[in-house]
PDB file of N, CA and C in Angstrom:
ATOM      1  N   MET A   1     -42.908   4.270 -51.802  1.00  0.00           N
ATOM      2  CA  MET A   1     -42.787   2.939 -51.765  1.00  0.00           C
ATOM      3  C   MET A   1     -43.722   2.308 -52.065  1.00  0.00           C
ATOM      4  N   ILE A   2     -43.296   1.061 -52.808  1.00  0.00           N
ATOM      5  CA  ILE A   2     -44.039  -0.124 -53.478  1.00  0.00           C
ATOM      6  C   ILE A   2     -44.195  -0.891 -52.074  1.00  0.00           C
ATOM      7  N   ARG A   3     -45.262  -1.676 -51.879  1.00  0.00           N
ATOM      8  CA  ARG A   3     -45.565  -2.656 -50.924  1.00  0.00           C
ATOM      9  C   ARG A   3     -46.630  -4.179 -51.497  1.00  0.00           C
ATOM     10  N   PRO A   4     -45.433  -4.870 -51.231  1.00  0.00           N
ATOM     11  CA  PRO A   4     -46.126  -6.086 -51.673  1.00  0.00           C
ATOM     12  C   PRO A   4     -47.543  -6.667 -51.040  1.00  0.00           C
ATOM     13  N   VAL A   5     -48.606  -7.541 -51.908  1.00  0.00           N
ATOM     14  CA  VAL A   5     -49.215  -8.147 -51.099  1.00  0.00           C
ATOM     15  C   VAL A   5     -48.717  -9.081 -49.953  1.00  0.00           C
ATOM     16  N   ARG A   6     -49.832  -9.044 -48.941  1.00  0.00           N
ATOM     17  CA  ARG A   6     -49.115  -9.968 -47.864  1.00  0.00           C
ATOM     18  C   ARG A   6     -49.073 -11.518 -48.301  1.00  0.00           C
ATOM     19  N   LEU A   7     -48.318 -12.211 -48.094  1.00  0.00           N
ATOM     20  CA  LEU A   7     -48.107 -13.830 -47.895  1.00  0.00           C
ATOM     21  C   LEU A   7     -49.407 -14.732 -47.202  1.00  0.00           C
ATOM     22  N   LYS A   8     -50.026 -15.324 -47.883  1.00  0.00           N
ATOM     23  CA  LYS A   8     -51.242 -15.844 -47.093  1.00  0.00           C
ATOM     24  C   LYS A   8     -51.137 -17.862 -47.966  1.00  0.00           C
ATOM     25  N   PRO A   9     -51.376 -18.569 -46.698  1.00  0.00           N
ATOM     26  CA  PRO A   9     -51.317 -20.057 -47.193  1.00  0.00           C
ATOM     27  C   PRO A   9     -51.440 -20.266 -48.571  1.00  0.00           C
ATOM     28  N   ASN A  10     -51.079 -21.385 -49.492  1.00  0.00           N
ATOM     29  CA  ASN A  10     -50.896 -21.717 -50.578  1.00  0.00           C
ATOM     30  C   ASN A  10     -49.956 -21.002 -51.473  1.00  0.00           C
ATOM     31  N   ASP A  11     -49.911 -19.834 -50.995  1.00  0.00           N
ATOM     32  CA  ASP A  11     -48.722 -18.980 -51.875  1.00  0.00           C
ATOM     33  C   ASP A  11     -47.493 -19.647 -52.079  1.00  0.00           C
ATOM     34  N   THR A  12     -46.865 -19.413 -53.310  1.00  0.00           N
ATOM     35  CA  THR A  12     -45.404 -19.942 -53.389  1.00  0.00           C
ATOM     36  C   THR A  12     -44.238 -18.911 -52.868  1.00  0.00           C
ATOM     37  N   ILE A  13     -43.292 -19.680 -52.244  1.00  0.00           N
ATOM     38  CA  ILE A  13     -42.526 -18.659 -52.374  1.00  0.00           C
ATOM     39  C   ILE A  13     -40.843 -19.246 -52.802  1.00  0.00           C
ATOM     40  N   GLY A  14     -40.299 -18.739 -53.315  1.00  0.00           N
ATOM     41  CA  GLY A  14     -38.936 -19.124 -53.869  1.00  0.00           C
ATOM     42  C   GLY A  14     -37.768 -18.709 -53.087  1.00  0.00           C
ATOM     43  N   VAL A  15     -36.932 -20.010 -53.095  1.00  0.00           N
ATOM     44  CA  VAL A  15     -35.359 -19.440 -52.588  1.00  0.00           C
ATOM     45  C   VAL A  15     -34.417 -19.699 -53.226  1.00  0.00           C
ATOM     46  N   VAL A  16     -34.018 -18.363 -53.099  1.00  0.00           N
ATOM     47  CA  VAL A  16     -32.336 -18.197 -53.520  1.00  0.00           C
ATOM     48  C   VAL A  16     -31.007 -18.424 -52.923  1.00  0.00           C
ATOM     49  N   SER A  17     -30.190 -18.251 -53.253  1.00  0.00           N
ATOM     50  CA  SER A  17     -28.458 -17.779 -52.634  1.00  0.00           C
ATOM     51  C   SER A  17     -27.809 -17.091 -53.459  1.00  0.00           C
ATOM     52  N   PRO A  18     -28.196 -15.515 -53.174  1.00  0.00           N
ATOM     53  CA  PRO A  18     -27.622 -14.901 -53.410  1.00  0.00           C
ATOM     54  C   PRO A  18     -26.070 -14.247 -53.132  1.00  0.00           C
ATOM     55  N   SER A  19     -25.481 -15.171 -52.400  1.00  0.00           N
ATOM     56  CA  SER A  19     -24.416 -15.001 -52.058  1.00  0.00           C
ATOM     57  C   SER A  19     -23.776 -16.529 -52.219  1.00  0.00           C
ATOM     58  N   GLU A  20     -23.628 -17.057 -50.592  1.00  0.00           N
ATOM     59  CA  GLU A  20     -23.298 -18.534 -50.542  1.00  0.00           C
ATOM     60  C   GLU A  20     -23.930 -19.370 -50.680  1.00  0.00           C
ATOM     61  N   PRO A  21     -23.530 -20.727 -51.157  1.00  0.00           N
ATOM     62  CA  PRO A  21     -24.470 -21.832 -51.410  1.00  0.00           C
ATOM     63  C   PRO A  21     -24.902 -22.414 -49.944  1.00  0.00           C
ATOM     64  N   VAL A  22     -26.292 -22.864 -49.859  1.00  0.00           N
ATOM     65  CA  VAL A  22     -26.565 -23.577 -49.149  1.00  0.00           C
ATOM     66  C   VAL A  22     -25.652 -24.953 -49.062  1.00  0.00           C
ATOM     67  N   THR A  23     -24.861 -25.179 -47.405  1.00  0.00           N
ATOM     68  CA  THR A  23     -24.312 -26.303 -47.429  1.00  0.00           C
ATOM     69  C   THR A  23     -24.600 -27.345 -46.457  1.00  0.00           C
ATOM     70  N   LEU A  24     -25.637 -27.031 -45.535  1.00  0.00           N
ATOM     71  CA  LEU A  24     -26.243 -27.677 -44.624  1.00  0.00           C
ATOM     72  C   LEU A  24     -27.618 -28.558 -45.198  1.00  0.00           C
ATOM     73  N   LYS A  25     -27.842 -29.437 -45.972  1.00  0.00           N
ATOM     74  CA  LYS A  25     -29.194 -29.358 -46.617  1.00  0.00           C
ATOM     75  C   LYS A  25     -30.064 -29.736 -45.528  1.00  0.00           C
ATOM     76  N   ALA A  26     -29.686 -30.116 -44.225  1.00  0.00           N
ATOM     77  CA  ALA A  26     -30.750 -30.756 -43.282  1.00  0.00           C
ATOM     78  C   ALA A  26     -31.474 -29.274 -42.914  1.00  0.00           C
ATOM     79  N   ASN A  27     -30.805 -28.147 -42.855  1.00  0.00           N
ATOM     80  CA  ASN A  27     -31.604 -27.231 -42.310  1.00  0.00           C
ATOM     81  C   ASN A  27     -32.320 -26.181 -43.260  1.00  0.00           C
ATOM     82  N   LEU A  28     -31.426 -26.621 -44.376  1.00  0.00           N
ATOM     83  CA  LEU A  28     -32.821 -26.217 -45.606  1.00  0.00           C
ATOM     84  C   LEU A  28     -34.146 -27.246 -45.671  1.00  0.00           C
ATOM     85  N   LYS A  29     -33.967 -28.394 -45.293  1.00  0.00           N
ATOM     86  CA  LYS A  29     -35.299 -28.678 -45.610  1.00  0.00           C
ATOM     87  C   LYS A  29     -36.188 -28.491 -44.212  1.00  0.00           C
ATOM     88  N   LYS A  30     -35.360 -28.467 -42.817  1.00  0.00           N
ATOM     89  CA  LYS A  30     -36.136 -27.827 -41.641  1.00  0.00           C
ATOM     90  C   LYS A  30     -36.749 -26.713 -42.209  1.00  0.00           C
ATOM     91  N   GLY A  31     -36.036 -25.853 -42.848  1.00  0.00           N
ATOM     92  CA  GLY A  31     -36.631 -24.569 -42.875  1.00  0.00           C
ATOM     93  C   GLY A  31     -37.542 -24.288 -44.029  1.00  0.00           C
ATOM     94  N   ILE A  32     -37.752 -25.282 -45.103  1.00  0.00           N
ATOM     95  CA  ILE A  32     -38.862 -25.568 -45.895  1.00  0.00           C
ATOM     96  C   ILE A  32     -40.176 -26.136 -45.360  1.00  0.00           C
ATOM     97  N   LYS A  33     -39.680 -27.393 -44.531  1.00  0.00           N
ATOM     98  CA  LYS A  33     -40.633 -28.057 -43.880  1.00  0.00           C
ATOM     99  C   LYS A  33     -41.736 -26.907 -43.010  1.00  0.00           C
ATOM    100  N   ILE A  34     -40.489 -26.031 -42.336  1.00  0.00           N
ATOM    101  CA  ILE A  34     -41.623 -25.225 -41.110  1.00  0.00           C
ATOM    102  C   ILE A  34     -42.415 -23.861 -42.520  1.00  0.00           C
ATOM    103  N   LEU A  35     -42.017 -24.149 -43.397  1.00  0.00           N
ATOM    104  CA  LEU A  35     -43.009 -23.113 -44.506  1.00  0.00           C
ATOM    105  C   LEU A  35     -44.001 -23.549 -44.705  1.00  0.00           C
ATOM    106  N   GLU A  36     -44.094 -24.935 -45.017  1.00  0.00           N
ATOM    107  CA  GLU A  36     -44.701 -25.570 -45.400  1.00  0.00           C
ATOM    108  C   GLU A  36     -45.925 -26.267 -44.572  1.00  0.00           C
ATOM    109  N   GLU A  37     -45.677 -26.330 -43.520  1.00  0.00           N
ATOM    110  CA  GLU A  37     -46.284 -26.609 -42.154  1.00  0.00           C
ATOM    111  C   GLU A  37     -46.975 -25.170 -41.961  1.00  0.00           C
ATOM    112  N   MET A  38     -46.745 -24.043 -42.737  1.00  0.00           N
ATOM    113  CA  MET A  38     -47.545 -22.839 -42.290  1.00  0.00           C
ATOM    114  C   MET A  38     -48.643 -22.668 -43.888  1.00  0.00           C
ATOM    115  N   GLY A  39     -48.290 -23.805 -44.593  1.00  0.00           N
ATOM    116  CA  GLY A  39     -49.206 -23.650 -45.359  1.00  0.00           C
ATOM    117  C   GLY A  39     -48.711 -23.024 -47.000  1.00  0.00           C
ATOM    118  N   PHE A  40     -47.531 -22.812 -47.062  1.00  0.00           N
ATOM    119  CA  PHE A  40     -46.693 -22.279 -48.192  1.00  0.00           C
ATOM    120  C   PHE A  40     -45.839 -23.369 -49.026  1.00  0.00           C
ATOM    121  N   ARG A  41     -46.262 -23.160 -50.431  1.00  0.00           N
ATOM    122  CA  ARG A  41     -45.624 -24.235 -51.439  1.00  0.00           C
ATOM    123  C   ARG A  41     -43.935 -23.529 -51.220  1.00  0.00           C
ATOM    124  N   VAL A  42     -42.951 -24.085 -51.585  1.00  0.00           N
ATOM    125  CA  VAL A  42     -41.532 -23.504 -51.806  1.00  0.00           C
ATOM    126  C   VAL A  42     -41.112 -24.308 -53.146  1.00  0.00           C
ATOM    127  N   VAL A  43     -40.142 -23.330 -53.375  1.00  0.00           N
ATOM    128  CA  VAL A  43     -39.114 -23.735 -54.715  1.00  0.00           C
ATOM    129  C   VAL A  43     -37.846 -23.027 -54.409  1.00  0.00           C
ATOM    130  N   LEU A  44     -36.909 -23.775 -55.018  1.00  0.00           N
ATOM    131  CA  LEU A  44     -36.029 -23.574 -54.787  1.00  0.00           C
ATOM    132  C   LEU A  44     -34.907 -22.765 -55.927  1.00  0.00           C
ATOM    133  N   GLY A  45     -34.230 -21.876 -56.512  1.00  0.00           N
ATOM    134  CA  GLY A  45     -33.235 -21.358 -57.632  1.00  0.00           C
ATOM    135  C   GLY A  45     -32.752 -22.343 -57.906  1.00  0.00           C
ATOM    136  N   LYS A  46     -32.162 -22.524 -59.018  1.00  0.00           N
ATOM    137  CA  LYS A  46     -31.503 -23.354 -59.719  1.00  0.00           C
ATOM    138  C   LYS A  46     -29.696 -23.464 -59.288  1.00  0.00           C
ATOM    139  N   ASN A  47     -29.540 -22.364 -58.556  1.00  0.00           N
ATOM    140  CA  ASN A  47     -28.265 -22.213 -57.959  1.00  0.00           C
ATOM    141  C   ASN A  47     -27.967 -22.346 -56.603  1.00  0.00           C
ATOM    142  N   VAL A  48     -28.998 -22.666 -56.188  1.00  0.00           N
ATOM    143  CA  VAL A  48     -28.856 -22.670 -54.458  1.00  0.00           C
ATOM    144  C   VAL A  48     -27.732 -23.346 -53.735  1.00  0.00           C
ATOM    145  N   PHE A  49     -27.318 -24.916 -54.295  1.00  0.00           N
ATOM    146  CA  PHE A  49     -26.389 -25.769 -53.757  1.00  0.00           C
ATOM    147  C   PHE A  49     -25.248 -25.533 -54.630  1.00  0.00           C
ATOM    148  N   LYS A  50     -25.098 -24.914 -55.920  1.00  0.00           N
ATOM    149  CA  LYS A  50     -23.996 -24.751 -56.425  1.00  0.00           C
ATOM    150  C   LYS A  50     -22.679 -24.073 -55.758  1.00  0.00           C
ATOM    151  N   LYS A  51     -21.681 -24.347 -56.075  1.00  0.00           N
ATOM    152  CA  LYS A  51     -20.400 -23.983 -55.442  1.00  0.00           C
ATOM    153  C   LYS A  51     -19.461 -23.407 -56.515  1.00  0.00           C
ATOM    154  N   TYR A  52     -19.235 -22.260 -56.360  1.00  0.00           N
ATOM    155  CA  TYR A  52     -18.383 -21.608 -57.455  1.00  0.00           C
ATOM    156  C   TYR A  52     -17.455 -20.756 -56.460  1.00  0.00           C
ATOM    157  N   GLY A  53     -16.145 -21.102 -56.920  1.00  0.00           N
ATOM    158  CA  GLY A  53     -14.976 -19.942 -56.318  1.00  0.00           C
ATOM    159  C   GLY A  53     -14.921 -20.551 -54.698  1.00  0.00           C
ATOM    160  N   ILE A  54     -14.545 -19.809 -53.746  1.00  0.00           N
ATOM    161  CA  ILE A  54     -14.610 -20.137 -52.500  1.00  0.00           C
ATOM    162  C   ILE A  54     -16.013 -20.115 -51.401  1.00  0.00           C
ATOM    163  N   TYR A  55     -16.862 -19.128 -52.205  1.00  0.00           N
ATOM    164  CA  TYR A  55     -17.801 -18.476 -51.165  1.00  0.00           C
ATOM    165  C   TYR A  55     -19.062 -18.603 -51.914  1.00  0.00           C
ATOM    166  N   MET A  56     -19.187 -18.631 -53.420  1.00  0.00           N
ATOM    167  CA  MET A  56     -20.423 -18.423 -53.720  1.00  0.00           C
ATOM    168  C   MET A  56     -21.220 -19.599 -54.582  1.00  0.00           C
ATOM    169  N   ALA A  57     -22.234 -19.281 -54.458  1.00  0.00           N
ATOM    170  CA  ALA A  57     -23.442 -20.062 -55.019  1.00  0.00           C
ATOM    171  C   ALA A  57     -23.225 -19.900 -56.625  1.00  0.00           C
ATOM    172  N   GLY A  58     -22.747 -20.057 -57.501  1.00  0.00           N
ATOM    173  CA  GLY A  58     -22.439 -19.584 -58.719  1.00  0.00           C
ATOM    174  C   GLY A  58     -21.982 -18.412 -58.969  1.00  0.00           C
ATOM    175  N   THR A  59     -21.701 -17.858 -60.404  1.00  0.00           N
ATOM    176  CA  THR A  59     -21.156 -16.589 -60.767  1.00  0.00           C
ATOM    177  C   THR A  59     -22.175 -15.669 -60.450  1.00  0.00           C
ATOM    178  N   ASP A  60     -21.861 -14.516 -60.319  1.00  0.00           N
ATOM    179  CA  ASP A  60     -22.790 -13.017 -60.627  1.00  0.00           C
ATOM    180  C   ASP A  60     -24.039 -13.378 -61.215  1.00  0.00           C
ATOM    181  N   GLU A  61     -23.856 -13.462 -62.778  1.00  0.00           N
ATOM    182  CA  GLU A  61     -24.636 -13.880 -63.149  1.00  0.00           C
ATOM    183  C   GLU A  61     -26.117 -14.813 -62.994  1.00  0.00           C
ATOM    184  N   GLU A  62     -25.175 -16.232 -62.655  1.00  0.00           N
ATOM    185  CA  GLU A  62     -26.181 -17.089 -62.246  1.00  0.00           C
ATOM    186  C   GLU A  62     -26.897 -16.674 -61.012  1.00  0.00           C
ATOM    187  N   ARG A  63     -26.640 -16.162 -59.791  1.00  0.00           N
ATOM    188  CA  ARG A  63     -26.942 -16.077 -58.517  1.00  0.00           C
ATOM    189  C   ARG A  63     -28.001 -14.658 -59.002  1.00  0.00           C
ATOM    190  N   ALA A  64     -27.886 -14.035 -60.048  1.00  0.00           N
ATOM    191  CA  ALA A  64     -28.925 -12.861 -60.328  1.00  0.00           C
ATOM    192  C   ALA A  64     -29.851 -13.847 -61.399  1.00  0.00           C
ATOM    193  N   SER A  65     -29.808 -14.073 -62.117  1.00  0.00           N
ATOM    194  CA  SER A  65     -30.453 -14.996 -62.917  1.00  0.00           C
ATOM    195  C   SER A  65     -31.784 -15.608 -61.649  1.00  0.00           C
ATOM    196  N   ASP A  66     -31.345 -16.169 -61.090  1.00  0.00           N
ATOM    197  CA  ASP A  66     -32.403 -17.013 -59.973  1.00  0.00           C
ATOM    198  C   ASP A  66     -33.134 -16.114 -59.377  1.00  0.00           C
ATOM    199  N   PHE A  67     -32.520 -14.815 -58.864  1.00  0.00           N
ATOM    200  CA  PHE A  67     -33.310 -13.897 -58.575  1.00  0.00           C
ATOM    201  C   PHE A  67     -34.327 -12.902 -59.293  1.00  0.00           C
ATOM    202  N   ASN A  68     -33.660 -13.122 -60.492  1.00  0.00           N
ATOM    203  CA  ASN A  68     -34.608 -12.393 -61.323  1.00  0.00           C
ATOM    204  C   ASN A  68     -35.957 -13.532 -61.746  1.00  0.00           C
ATOM    205  N   LYS A  69     -35.388 -14.559 -61.882  1.00  0.00           N
ATOM    206  CA  LYS A  69     -36.612 -15.519 -62.465  1.00  0.00           C
ATOM    207  C   LYS A  69     -37.467 -15.564 -61.292  1.00  0.00           C
ATOM    208  N   MET A  70     -37.375 -15.535 -59.934  1.00  0.00           N
ATOM    209  CA  MET A  70     -38.373 -15.529 -58.872  1.00  0.00           C
ATOM    210  C   MET A  70     -39.111 -14.196 -59.143  1.00  0.00           C
ATOM    211  N   PHE A  71     -38.859 -13.077 -59.201  1.00  0.00           N
ATOM    212  CA  PHE A  71     -39.412 -11.706 -59.658  1.00  0.00           C
ATOM    213  C   PHE A  71     -40.542 -12.141 -60.950  1.00  0.00           C
ATOM    214  N   LYS A  72     -39.676 -12.462 -61.875  1.00  0.00           N
ATOM    215  CA  LYS A  72     -40.246 -12.688 -63.121  1.00  0.00           C
ATOM    216  C   LYS A  72     -41.755 -13.739 -63.089  1.00  0.00           C
ATOM    217  N   ASN A  73     -41.657 -14.637 -61.963  1.00  0.00           N
ATOM    218  CA  ASN A  73     -42.662 -15.859 -62.157  1.00  0.00           C
ATOM    219  C   ASN A  73     -43.674 -15.035 -61.402  1.00  0.00           C
ATOM    220  N   PRO A  74     -44.974 -15.075 -62.137  1.00  0.00           N
ATOM    221  CA  PRO A  74     -46.375 -14.703 -61.300  1.00  0.00           C
ATOM    222  C   PRO A  74     -46.860 -15.703 -60.161  1.00  0.00           C
ATOM    223  N   LYS A  75     -46.299 -17.085 -60.469  1.00  0.00           N
ATOM    224  CA  LYS A  75     -46.630 -17.814 -59.184  1.00  0.00           C
ATOM    225  C   LYS A  75     -45.905 -17.729 -58.039  1.00  0.00           C
ATOM    226  N   ILE A  76     -44.862 -17.275 -58.372  1.00  0.00           N
ATOM    227  CA  ILE A  76     -44.243 -16.771 -56.862  1.00  0.00           C
ATOM    228  C   ILE A  76     -44.669 -15.427 -55.786  1.00  0.00           C
ATOM    229  N   ARG A  77     -45.034 -15.273 -54.755  1.00  0.00           N
ATOM    230  CA  ARG A  77     -45.465 -14.289 -54.242  1.00  0.00           C
ATOM    231  C   ARG A  77     -44.407 -13.725 -53.300  1.00  0.00           C
ATOM    232  N   GLY A  78     -43.332 -14.756 -52.939  1.00  0.00           N
ATOM    233  CA  GLY A  78     -42.083 -14.174 -51.751  1.00  0.00           C
ATOM    234  C   GLY A  78     -41.115 -14.890 -52.587  1.00  0.00           C
ATOM    235  N   VAL A  79     -39.776 -13.966 -52.275  1.00  0.00           N
ATOM    236  CA  VAL A  79     -38.866 -14.763 -52.130  1.00  0.00           C
ATOM    237  C   VAL A  79     -37.753 -14.362 -51.270  1.00  0.00           C
ATOM    238  N   PHE A  80     -37.096 -15.694 -50.752  1.00  0.00           N
ATOM    239  CA  PHE A  80     -36.584 -15.708 -49.326  1.00  0.00           C
ATOM    240  C   PHE A  80     -35.055 -16.197 -49.895  1.00  0.00           C
ATOM    241  N   CYS A  81     -34.071 -15.143 -48.884  1.00  0.00           N
ATOM    242  CA  CYS A  81     -32.619 -15.520 -49.320  1.00  0.00           C
ATOM    243  C   CYS A  81     -32.637 -16.991 -48.295  1.00  0.00           C
ATOM    244  N   SER A  82     -31.258 -17.643 -49.136  1.00  0.00           N
ATOM    245  CA  SER A  82     -31.136 -18.692 -48.046  1.00  0.00           C
ATOM    246  C   SER A  82     -30.281 -18.279 -47.085  1.00  0.00           C
ATOM    247  N   MET A  83     -29.379 -17.393 -47.200  1.00  0.00           N
ATOM    248  CA  MET A  83     -28.520 -16.751 -45.995  1.00  0.00           C
ATOM    249  C   MET A  83     -27.782 -15.615 -47.105  1.00  0.00           C
ATOM    250  N   GLY A  84     -27.607 -14.899 -45.991  1.00  0.00           N
ATOM    251  CA  GLY A  84     -27.238 -13.460 -46.041  1.00  0.00           C
ATOM    252  C   GLY A  84     -25.196 -13.984 -46.593  1.00  0.00           C
ATOM    253  N   GLY A  85     -24.626 -12.857 -47.248  1.00  0.00           N
ATOM    254  CA  GLY A  85     -23.403 -12.901 -47.320  1.00  0.00           C
ATOM    255  C   GLY A  85     -22.542 -11.851 -48.265  1.00  0.00           C
ATOM    256  N   PHE A  86     -21.590 -11.622 -48.079  1.00  0.00           N
ATOM    257  CA  PHE A  86     -20.687 -10.529 -48.702  1.00  0.00           C
ATOM    258  C   PHE A  86     -20.882 -10.571 -50.063  1.00  0.00           C
ATOM    259  N   SER A  87     -20.740 -11.565 -51.000  1.00  0.00           N
ATOM    260  CA  SER A  87     -21.165 -11.355 -52.282  1.00  0.00           C
ATOM    261  C   SER A  87     -22.198 -10.780 -52.716  1.00  0.00           C
ATOM    262  N   SER A  88     -23.472 -10.843 -52.138  1.00  0.00           N
ATOM    263  CA  SER A  88     -24.608 -10.383 -52.576  1.00  0.00           C
ATOM    264  C   SER A  88     -24.565  -8.903 -53.473  1.00  0.00           C
ATOM    265  N   ASN A  89     -23.709  -7.920 -52.516  1.00  0.00           N
ATOM    266  CA  ASN A  89     -23.611  -6.922 -53.248  1.00  0.00           C
ATOM    267  C   ASN A  89     -23.267  -6.855 -54.882  1.00  0.00           C
ATOM    268  N   ARG A  90     -22.544  -7.843 -54.884  1.00  0.00           N
ATOM    269  CA  ARG A  90     -22.682  -7.997 -56.344  1.00  0.00           C
ATOM    270  C   ARG A  90     -23.399  -8.146 -57.614  1.00  0.00           C
ATOM    271  N   LEU A  91     -24.516  -8.236 -57.159  1.00  0.00           N
ATOM    272  CA  LEU A  91     -25.664  -8.583 -57.931  1.00  0.00           C
ATOM    273  C   LEU A  91     -26.254  -7.456 -58.397  1.00  0.00           C
ATOM    274  N   LEU A  92     -26.171  -6.078 -57.608  1.00  0.00           N
ATOM    275  CA  LEU A  92     -26.521  -5.344 -57.905  1.00  0.00           C
ATOM    276  C   LEU A  92     -26.830  -4.659 -59.541  1.00  0.00           C
ATOM    277  N   ASP A  93     -25.749  -4.676 -60.033  1.00  0.00           N
ATOM    278  CA  ASP A  93     -25.721  -4.453 -61.679  1.00  0.00           C
ATOM    279  C   ASP A  93     -26.483  -5.462 -62.521  1.00  0.00           C
ATOM    280  N   PHE A  94     -26.955  -6.615 -62.006  1.00  0.00           N
ATOM    281  CA  PHE A  94     -27.729  -7.502 -62.404  1.00  0.00           C
ATOM    282  C   PHE A  94     -29.168  -7.408 -62.214  1.00  0.00           C
ATOM    283  N   ILE A  95     -29.398  -6.738 -61.070  1.00  0.00           N
ATOM    284  CA  ILE A  95     -30.955  -7.374 -60.887  1.00  0.00           C
ATOM    285  C   ILE A  95     -31.886  -6.467 -61.800  1.00  0.00           C
ATOM    286  N   ASP A  96     -32.893  -7.196 -62.313  1.00  0.00           N
ATOM    287  CA  ASP A  96     -34.000  -6.645 -62.930  1.00  0.00           C
ATOM    288  C   ASP A  96     -34.704  -5.564 -62.053  1.00  0.00           C
ATOM    289  N   TYR A  97     -34.727  -4.587 -62.013  1.00  0.00           N
ATOM    290  CA  TYR A  97     -35.848  -3.730 -61.464  1.00  0.00           C
ATOM    291  C   TYR A  97     -36.564  -3.516 -61.738  1.00  0.00           C
ATOM    292  N   GLU A  98     -37.062  -3.377 -63.103  1.00  0.00           N
ATOM    293  CA  GLU A  98     -38.056  -2.826 -63.698  1.00  0.00           C
ATOM    294  C   GLU A  98     -39.123  -4.319 -63.370  1.00  0.00           C
ATOM    295  N   ALA A  99     -39.065  -5.580 -63.042  1.00  0.00           N
ATOM    296  CA  ALA A  99     -39.653  -6.355 -63.140  1.00  0.00           C
ATOM    297  C   ALA A  99     -39.882  -6.621 -61.666  1.00  0.00           C
ATOM    298  N   ILE A 100     -39.458  -6.106 -60.961  1.00  0.00           N
ATOM    299  CA  ILE A 100     -39.648  -6.241 -58.934  1.00  0.00           C
ATOM    300  C   ILE A 100     -40.656  -4.973 -59.374  1.00  0.00           C
ATOM    301  N   LYS A 101     -40.618  -4.007 -59.790  1.00  0.00           N
ATOM    302  CA  LYS A 101     -41.817  -2.883 -59.720  1.00  0.00           C
ATOM    303  C   LYS A 101     -42.966  -3.567 -60.527  1.00  0.00           C
ATOM    304  N   LYS A 102     -42.759  -4.116 -61.161  1.00  0.00           N
ATOM    305  CA  LYS A 102     -44.237  -4.880 -61.989  1.00  0.00           C
ATOM    306  C   LYS A 102     -45.046  -5.834 -61.118  1.00  0.00           C
ATOM    307  N   ILE A 103     -44.325  -6.706 -60.454  1.00  0.00           N
ATOM    308  CA  ILE A 103     -44.600  -7.354 -59.478  1.00  0.00           C
ATOM    309  C   ILE A 103     -44.756  -7.289 -57.874  1.00  0.00           C
ATOM    310  N   PRO A 104     -44.769  -6.718 -57.216  1.00  0.00           N
ATOM    311  CA  PRO A 104     -44.154  -6.303 -55.758  1.00  0.00           C
ATOM    312  C   PRO A 104     -44.220  -7.583 -55.251  1.00  0.00           C
ATOM    313  N   ARG A 105     -42.878  -8.374 -54.470  1.00  0.00           N
ATOM    314  CA  ARG A 105     -43.058  -9.542 -53.828  1.00  0.00           C
ATOM    315  C   ARG A 105     -42.462  -9.347 -52.429  1.00  0.00           C
ATOM    316  N   PHE A 106     -42.567  -9.935 -51.462  1.00  0.00           N
ATOM    317  CA  PHE A 106     -42.224 -10.125 -50.233  1.00  0.00           C
ATOM    318  C   PHE A 106     -40.882 -10.586 -50.147  1.00  0.00           C
ATOM    319  N   LEU A 107     -39.791 -10.037 -49.336  1.00  0.00           N
ATOM    320  CA  LEU A 107     -38.622 -10.365 -49.844  1.00  0.00           C
ATOM    321  C   LEU A 107     -37.982 -10.471 -48.454  1.00  0.00           C
ATOM    322  N   TRP A 108     -37.641 -11.828 -48.181  1.00  0.00           N
ATOM    323  CA  TRP A 108     -36.524 -11.530 -46.834  1.00  0.00           C
ATOM    324  C   TRP A 108     -35.522 -11.962 -47.157  1.00  0.00           C
ATOM    325  N   VAL A 109     -34.563 -10.720 -46.643  1.00  0.00           N
ATOM    326  CA  VAL A 109     -33.110 -10.653 -46.907  1.00  0.00           C
ATOM    327  C   VAL A 109     -32.161 -10.497 -45.709  1.00  0.00           C
ATOM    328  N   PHE A 110     -32.737 -11.021 -44.685  1.00  0.00           N
ATOM    329  CA  PHE A 110     -32.054 -11.249 -43.144  1.00  0.00           C
ATOM    330  C   PHE A 110     -30.462 -11.409 -43.582  1.00  0.00           C
ATOM    331  N   PRO A 111     -29.646 -11.265 -42.617  1.00  0.00           N
ATOM    332  CA  PRO A 111     -27.962 -11.574 -42.503  1.00  0.00           C
ATOM    333  C   PRO A 111     -28.136 -13.379 -42.480  1.00  0.00           C
ATOM    334  N   THR A 112     -28.953 -13.711 -41.487  1.00  0.00           N
ATOM    335  CA  THR A 112     -29.074 -15.062 -41.151  1.00  0.00           C
ATOM    336  C   THR A 112     -30.488 -15.124 -41.468  1.00  0.00           C
ATOM    337  N   SER A 113     -30.778 -16.184 -41.912  1.00  0.00           N
ATOM    338  CA  SER A 113     -32.659 -16.759 -42.507  1.00  0.00           C
ATOM    339  C   SER A 113     -32.695 -18.198 -41.676  1.00  0.00           C
ATOM    340  N   LEU A 114     -33.718 -18.173 -41.568  1.00  0.00           N
ATOM    341  CA  LEU A 114     -34.919 -19.458 -41.361  1.00  0.00           C
ATOM    342  C   LEU A 114     -33.813 -20.772 -41.605  1.00  0.00           C
ATOM    343  N   PHE A 115     -33.239 -20.914 -42.880  1.00  0.00           N
ATOM    344  CA  PHE A 115     -32.591 -22.074 -43.384  1.00  0.00           C
ATOM    345  C   PHE A 115     -31.014 -22.106 -42.915  1.00  0.00           C
ATOM    346  N   CYS A 116     -30.533 -21.162 -42.067  1.00  0.00           N
ATOM    347  CA  CYS A 116     -29.147 -21.254 -41.509  1.00  0.00           C
ATOM    348  C   CYS A 116     -29.438 -22.420 -40.036  1.00  0.00           C
TER     349      CYS A 116
END
């Protein structure tokens, strides 16, 4: 098992939407405020709000790209998912697992999250 370094104040957390888009921006803002009050910086993936089809935050490739970019960015120390969802399993073939191994990060993937 590869264990990531513990998150600490001033670390940057990336937020992605691997399934559904964020529809309640007020809830996202509250979640970001909580993280910032804890001392973290927060950056959003490009497709967090994008609506594609009935229930997805972009195509499979777009959502996977956001996910992969967070893991390839050395400034990002943790990756949080805006919310869980059925279509996140469609990303498995597009994830760059080698990038994840190189710099392990804290990953928050609960079915509901801080942003719901």
